[in-house]
């Protein structure tokens, strides 16, 4: 459904949101370990997210990546759009170019409500929302 880059971007921002609650700046090595991804891949994603103003970074010995209050208000949809674009809103689940109400693929009508619920979920949940739930012990990002 989402690209690997998008999955890791979401995980990284949620992790950084949790760490930033404690005013920490986190290095790439720590983030990649926390979300179970390679450092090189995570570094590229984080640089892209920083350029797109979805997270902050500072350089130097006490530097690293962090999510500020403004960034914590970003929805999952904001992150997905920044990485994968808007295809989640229009793409056919079977990958067909022409799939619509008038010209549906075999799963179009069955998947329609699932897709609407998914879109609602990604638009209505922010980094802050997940941090609150994680702090309550309701979510985790990595299997130990």
C-alpha atoms as a PDB file:
ATOM      1  CA  UNK A   1       0.000   0.000   0.000  1.00  0.00           C
ATOM      2  CA  UNK A   2       2.684   2.513   1.040  1.00  0.00           C
ATOM      3  CA  UNK A   3       6.254   2.445  -0.209  1.00  0.00           C
ATOM      4  CA  UNK A   4       9.009   1.231   2.115  1.00  0.00           C
ATOM      5  CA  UNK A   5      10.297   4.818   2.233  1.00  0.00           C
ATOM      6  CA  UNK A   6       6.904   5.982   3.398  1.00  0.00           C
ATOM      7  CA  UNK A   7       6.620   3.254   6.029  1.00  0.00           C
ATOM      8  CA  UNK A   8      10.018   4.156   7.450  1.00  0.00           C
ATOM      9  CA  UNK A   9       9.259   7.879   7.305  1.00  0.00           C
ATOM     10  CA  UNK A  10       6.123   7.364   9.387  1.00  0.00           C
ATOM     11  CA  UNK A  11       7.960   5.150  11.882  1.00  0.00           C
ATOM     12  CA  UNK A  12      10.854   7.620  12.125  1.00  0.00           C
ATOM     13  CA  UNK A  13       8.606  10.624  12.709  1.00  0.00           C
ATOM     14  CA  UNK A  14       6.554   8.832  15.348  1.00  0.00           C
ATOM     15  CA  UNK A  15       9.757   7.691  17.074  1.00  0.00           C
ATOM     16  CA  UNK A  16      11.223  11.201  16.871  1.00  0.00           C
ATOM     17  CA  UNK A  17       7.999  12.664  18.192  1.00  0.00           C
ATOM     18  CA  UNK A  18       8.276  10.422  21.233  1.00  0.00           C
ATOM     19  CA  UNK A  19      11.926  11.289  21.798  1.00  0.00           C
ATOM     20  CA  UNK A  20      11.340  14.997  21.179  1.00  0.00           C
ATOM     21  CA  UNK A  21       8.837  15.063  24.042  1.00  0.00           C
ATOM     22  CA  UNK A  22      11.940  14.767  26.190  1.00  0.00           C
ATOM     23  CA  UNK A  23      13.709  17.536  24.183  1.00  0.00           C
ATOM     24  CA  UNK A  24      16.142  15.039  22.686  1.00  0.00           C
ATOM     25  CA  UNK A  25      17.870  15.338  19.356  1.00  0.00           C
ATOM     26  CA  UNK A  26      18.428  11.887  17.930  1.00  0.00           C
ATOM     27  CA  UNK A  27      21.171  10.631  15.607  1.00  0.00           C
ATOM     28  CA  UNK A  28      20.523   8.532  12.499  1.00  0.00           C
ATOM     29  CA  UNK A  29      22.080   5.443  14.084  1.00  0.00           C
ATOM     30  CA  UNK A  30      19.623   5.517  16.995  1.00  0.00           C
ATOM     31  CA  UNK A  31      16.640   6.143  14.717  1.00  0.00           C
ATOM     32  CA  UNK A  32      17.582   3.361  12.303  1.00  0.00           C
ATOM     33  CA  UNK A  33      18.002   0.931  15.185  1.00  0.00           C
ATOM     34  CA  UNK A  34      14.667   1.960  16.709  1.00  0.00           C
ATOM     35  CA  UNK A  35      12.735   1.438  13.482  1.00  0.00           C
ATOM     36  CA  UNK A  36      14.781  -1.540  12.266  1.00  0.00           C
ATOM     37  CA  UNK A  37      16.123  -0.004   9.046  1.00  0.00           C
ATOM     38  CA  UNK A  38      19.563   0.619   7.561  1.00  0.00           C
ATOM     39  CA  UNK A  39      21.320   3.854   8.504  1.00  0.00           C
ATOM     40  CA  UNK A  40      21.906   4.868   4.899  1.00  0.00           C
ATOM     41  CA  UNK A  41      18.239   4.436   3.969  1.00  0.00           C
ATOM     42  CA  UNK A  42      17.026   6.278   7.075  1.00  0.00           C
ATOM     43  CA  UNK A  43      19.508   9.123   6.514  1.00  0.00           C
ATOM     44  CA  UNK A  44      18.141   9.725   3.011  1.00  0.00           C
ATOM     45  CA  UNK A  45      14.544   9.688   4.249  1.00  0.00           C
ATOM     46  CA  UNK A  46      15.324  12.058   7.127  1.00  0.00           C
ATOM     47  CA  UNK A  47      17.119  14.496   4.826  1.00  0.00           C
ATOM     48  CA  UNK A  48      14.105  14.500   2.519  1.00  0.00           C
ATOM     49  CA  UNK A  49      11.683  15.034   5.422  1.00  0.00           C
ATOM     50  CA  UNK A  50      13.825  17.883   6.740  1.00  0.00           C
ATOM     51  CA  UNK A  51      13.832  19.586   3.320  1.00  0.00           C
ATOM     52  CA  UNK A  52      10.055  19.223   3.226  1.00  0.00           C
ATOM     53  CA  UNK A  53       9.804  20.801   6.709  1.00  0.00           C
ATOM     54  CA  UNK A  54       8.233  17.735   8.341  1.00  0.00           C
ATOM     55  CA  UNK A  55      11.025  17.525  10.898  1.00  0.00           C
ATOM     56  CA  UNK A  56      13.955  19.572  12.161  1.00  0.00           C
ATOM     57  CA  UNK A  57      17.658  18.909  12.436  1.00  0.00           C
ATOM     58  CA  UNK A  58      20.714  20.556  13.911  1.00  0.00           C
ATOM     59  CA  UNK A  59      24.362  19.902  13.210  1.00  0.00           C
ATOM     60  CA  UNK A  60      27.227  19.524  15.615  1.00  0.00           C
ATOM     61  CA  UNK A  61      28.157  17.374  18.603  1.00  0.00           C
ATOM     62  CA  UNK A  62      24.751  17.857  20.255  1.00  0.00           C
ATOM     63  CA  UNK A  63      22.895  17.800  16.966  1.00  0.00           C
ATOM     64  CA  UNK A  64      20.460  15.370  15.482  1.00  0.00           C
ATOM     65  CA  UNK A  65      16.894  15.132  14.289  1.00  0.00           C
ATOM     66  CA  UNK A  66      13.802  16.140  16.239  1.00  0.00           C
ATOM     67  CA  UNK A  67      10.122  16.939  15.917  1.00  0.00           C
ATOM     68  CA  UNK A  68       8.994  20.277  17.307  1.00  0.00           C
ATOM     69  CA  UNK A  69       5.451  21.244  18.351  1.00  0.00           C
ATOM     70  CA  UNK A  70       4.604  22.414  14.832  1.00  0.00           C
ATOM     71  CA  UNK A  71       5.882  19.180  13.246  1.00  0.00           C
ATOM     72  CA  UNK A  72       3.935  17.061  15.734  1.00  0.00           C
ATOM     73  CA  UNK A  73       0.718  18.480  14.238  1.00  0.00           C
ATOM     74  CA  UNK A  74       1.486  16.891  10.854  1.00  0.00           C
ATOM     75  CA  UNK A  75      -0.912  14.142   9.903  1.00  0.00           C
ATOM     76  CA  UNK A  76       0.065  10.774   8.502  1.00  0.00           C
ATOM     77  CA  UNK A  77      -1.427  12.047   5.241  1.00  0.00           C
ATOM     78  CA  UNK A  78       1.111  14.906   5.218  1.00  0.00           C
ATOM     79  CA  UNK A  79       3.950  12.399   5.530  1.00  0.00           C
ATOM     80  CA  UNK A  80       2.510  10.036   2.929  1.00  0.00           C
ATOM     81  CA  UNK A  81       1.969  12.867   0.446  1.00  0.00           C
ATOM     82  CA  UNK A  82       5.541  14.091   0.984  1.00  0.00           C
ATOM     83  CA  UNK A  83       7.020  10.673   0.262  1.00  0.00           C
ATOM     84  CA  UNK A  84       4.569   8.841  -2.030  1.00  0.00           C
ATOM     85  CA  UNK A  85       2.513  11.713  -3.421  1.00  0.00           C
ATOM     86  CA  UNK A  86      -1.262  11.600  -3.621  1.00  0.00           C
ATOM     87  CA  UNK A  87      -1.665   8.246  -5.333  1.00  0.00           C
ATOM     88  CA  UNK A  88      -3.359   6.758  -2.267  1.00  0.00           C
ATOM     89  CA  UNK A  89      -6.389   8.895  -3.124  1.00  0.00           C
ATOM     90  CA  UNK A  90      -6.694   7.727  -6.702  1.00  0.00           C
ATOM     91  CA  UNK A  91      -4.713   4.577  -7.400  1.00  0.00           C
ATOM     92  CA  UNK A  92      -6.387   1.318  -8.255  1.00  0.00           C
ATOM     93  CA  UNK A  93      -5.563  -1.460  -5.827  1.00  0.00           C
ATOM     94  CA  UNK A  94      -4.935  -3.800  -8.746  1.00  0.00           C
ATOM     95  CA  UNK A  95      -2.718  -1.242 -10.471  1.00  0.00           C
ATOM     96  CA  UNK A  96      -5.032  -0.583 -13.400  1.00  0.00           C
ATOM     97  CA  UNK A  97      -4.753   2.800 -15.105  1.00  0.00           C
ATOM     98  CA  UNK A  98      -8.468   3.131 -15.707  1.00  0.00           C
ATOM     99  CA  UNK A  99     -10.392   2.335 -12.534  1.00  0.00           C
ATOM    100  CA  UNK A 100     -13.372   4.415 -11.453  1.00  0.00           C
ATOM    101  CA  UNK A 101     -17.024   4.239 -10.489  1.00  0.00           C
ATOM    102  CA  UNK A 102     -17.892   4.080 -14.197  1.00  0.00           C
ATOM    103  CA  UNK A 103     -15.115   1.651 -15.099  1.00  0.00           C
ATOM    104  CA  UNK A 104     -14.379  -0.387 -11.923  1.00  0.00           C
ATOM    105  CA  UNK A 105     -11.784  -3.091 -11.477  1.00  0.00           C
ATOM    106  CA  UNK A 106     -12.927  -6.393  -9.890  1.00  0.00           C
ATOM    107  CA  UNK A 107     -12.213  -5.164  -6.312  1.00  0.00           C
ATOM    108  CA  UNK A 108     -13.189  -1.497  -6.729  1.00  0.00           C
ATOM    109  CA  UNK A 109     -16.562  -1.574  -4.994  1.00  0.00           C
ATOM    110  CA  UNK A 110     -15.485  -3.964  -2.237  1.00  0.00           C
ATOM    111  CA  UNK A 111     -12.361  -1.938  -1.494  1.00  0.00           C
ATOM    112  CA  UNK A 112     -14.033   1.472  -1.679  1.00  0.00           C
ATOM    113  CA  UNK A 113     -15.114   1.611   1.999  1.00  0.00           C
ATOM    114  CA  UNK A 114     -11.778   0.252   3.190  1.00  0.00           C
ATOM    115  CA  UNK A 115      -9.996   2.962   1.215  1.00  0.00           C
ATOM    116  CA  UNK A 116     -12.292   5.693   2.572  1.00  0.00           C
ATOM    117  CA  UNK A 117     -11.624   4.505   6.133  1.00  0.00           C
ATOM    118  CA  UNK A 118      -7.885   4.408   5.491  1.00  0.00           C
ATOM    119  CA  UNK A 119      -7.918   7.949   4.097  1.00  0.00           C
ATOM    120  CA  UNK A 120      -9.955   9.146   7.068  1.00  0.00           C
ATOM    121  CA  UNK A 121      -7.469   7.511   9.455  1.00  0.00           C
ATOM    122  CA  UNK A 122      -4.356   9.012   7.841  1.00  0.00           C
ATOM    123  CA  UNK A 123      -5.911  12.470   7.616  1.00  0.00           C
ATOM    124  CA  UNK A 124      -7.203  12.520  11.195  1.00  0.00           C
ATOM    125  CA  UNK A 125      -4.156  11.166  13.028  1.00  0.00           C
ATOM    126  CA  UNK A 126      -1.104  13.262  13.736  1.00  0.00           C
ATOM    127  CA  UNK A 127       2.354  12.467  15.073  1.00  0.00           C
ATOM    128  CA  UNK A 128       1.110  13.887  18.373  1.00  0.00           C
ATOM    129  CA  UNK A 129      -1.888  11.529  18.366  1.00  0.00           C
ATOM    130  CA  UNK A 130       0.368   8.501  18.062  1.00  0.00           C
ATOM    131  CA  UNK A 131       2.802   9.818  20.658  1.00  0.00           C
ATOM    132  CA  UNK A 132      -0.001  10.187  23.168  1.00  0.00           C
ATOM    133  CA  UNK A 133      -1.189   6.634  22.482  1.00  0.00           C
ATOM    134  CA  UNK A 134       2.367   5.281  22.593  1.00  0.00           C
ATOM    135  CA  UNK A 135       3.019   6.973  25.933  1.00  0.00           C
ATOM    136  CA  UNK A 136      -0.038   5.126  27.244  1.00  0.00           C
ATOM    137  CA  UNK A 137       1.548   1.857  26.118  1.00  0.00           C
ATOM    138  CA  UNK A 138      -0.991   1.226  23.345  1.00  0.00           C
ATOM    139  CA  UNK A 139       1.485   1.121  20.426  1.00  0.00           C
ATOM    140  CA  UNK A 140       4.987  -0.011  19.612  1.00  0.00           C
ATOM    141  CA  UNK A 141       7.239   0.547  16.601  1.00  0.00           C
ATOM    142  CA  UNK A 142       9.578  -2.423  16.707  1.00  0.00           C
ATOM    143  CA  UNK A 143       9.373  -6.062  17.665  1.00  0.00           C
ATOM    144  CA  UNK A 144      12.114  -6.905  20.151  1.00  0.00           C
END
